[in-house]
């Protein structure tokens, strides 16, 4: 199992995204931030957006 705290991505949010694989967490995370934090995501530059996927990988933790 894997989990990612939205707050770890720099958002003011208490949501925790969980999945059985890293790819599932990535997908769910992008769906969440694009919906719940659309304004912040739209303000990001292409370079920032490109690094967001890597940030998700870095901040996702494997849980028991």
Protein backbone atom coordinates (compact mmCIF):
# COMPACT_ATOMS: atom_id res chain seq x y z
CA UNK A 1 0.00 0.00 0.00
CA UNK A 2 1.14 3.55 -0.76
CA UNK A 3 -0.06 6.90 0.52
CA UNK A 4 0.51 10.56 -0.12
CA UNK A 5 -0.57 13.49 2.02
CA UNK A 6 -1.76 16.36 -0.13
CA UNK A 7 -0.13 18.73 2.35
CA UNK A 8 3.25 17.20 1.38
CA UNK A 9 2.72 18.63 -2.10
CA UNK A 10 2.49 22.13 -0.67
CA UNK A 11 -1.29 22.33 -0.59
CA UNK A 12 -3.29 23.53 2.42
CA UNK A 13 -5.26 20.29 2.52
CA UNK A 14 -5.70 17.35 4.88
CA UNK A 15 -6.61 14.76 2.22
CA UNK A 16 -4.57 11.56 2.06
CA UNK A 17 -4.44 9.68 -1.24
CA UNK A 18 -3.98 5.91 -0.98
CA UNK A 19 -3.42 3.18 -3.52
CA UNK A 20 -2.01 -0.28 -3.98
CA UNK A 21 0.65 0.95 -6.43
CA UNK A 22 2.66 4.11 -6.91
CA UNK A 23 0.99 4.59 -10.31
CA UNK A 24 -2.45 4.43 -8.70
CA UNK A 25 -1.45 7.08 -6.14
CA UNK A 26 -0.06 9.29 -8.92
CA UNK A 27 -3.29 9.02 -10.89
CA UNK A 28 -5.53 9.67 -7.89
CA UNK A 29 -3.29 12.56 -6.76
CA UNK A 30 -3.50 14.31 -10.11
CA UNK A 31 -7.28 13.85 -10.18
CA UNK A 32 -7.52 15.29 -6.67
CA UNK A 33 -5.29 18.34 -7.21
CA UNK A 34 -6.88 19.17 -10.55
CA UNK A 35 -10.32 19.10 -8.93
CA UNK A 36 -9.74 20.42 -5.40
CA UNK A 37 -6.86 22.80 -6.16
CA UNK A 38 -7.66 23.79 -9.76
CA UNK A 39 -6.82 27.47 -9.30
CA UNK A 40 -3.36 26.71 -7.92
CA UNK A 41 -2.70 24.11 -10.63
CA UNK A 42 -3.72 26.51 -13.42
CA UNK A 43 -1.29 29.10 -12.06
CA UNK A 44 1.66 26.71 -12.38
CA UNK A 45 4.15 27.10 -15.20
CA UNK A 46 4.83 24.22 -17.60
CA UNK A 47 8.14 23.61 -15.82
CA UNK A 48 6.41 23.40 -12.43
CA UNK A 49 3.80 21.02 -13.82
CA UNK A 50 6.49 18.80 -15.30
CA UNK A 51 8.16 18.53 -11.90
CA UNK A 52 4.89 17.80 -10.11
CA UNK A 53 4.91 14.14 -11.17
CA UNK A 54 8.40 13.72 -9.70
CA UNK A 55 7.30 15.48 -6.50
CA UNK A 56 4.44 12.99 -6.13
CA UNK A 57 6.91 10.10 -6.52
CA UNK A 58 9.27 11.61 -3.97
CA UNK A 59 6.61 12.33 -1.34
CA UNK A 60 4.63 9.07 -1.65
CA UNK A 61 5.35 6.69 1.21
CA UNK A 62 5.04 2.91 1.28
CA UNK A 63 2.86 1.83 4.18
CA UNK A 64 2.59 -1.56 5.86
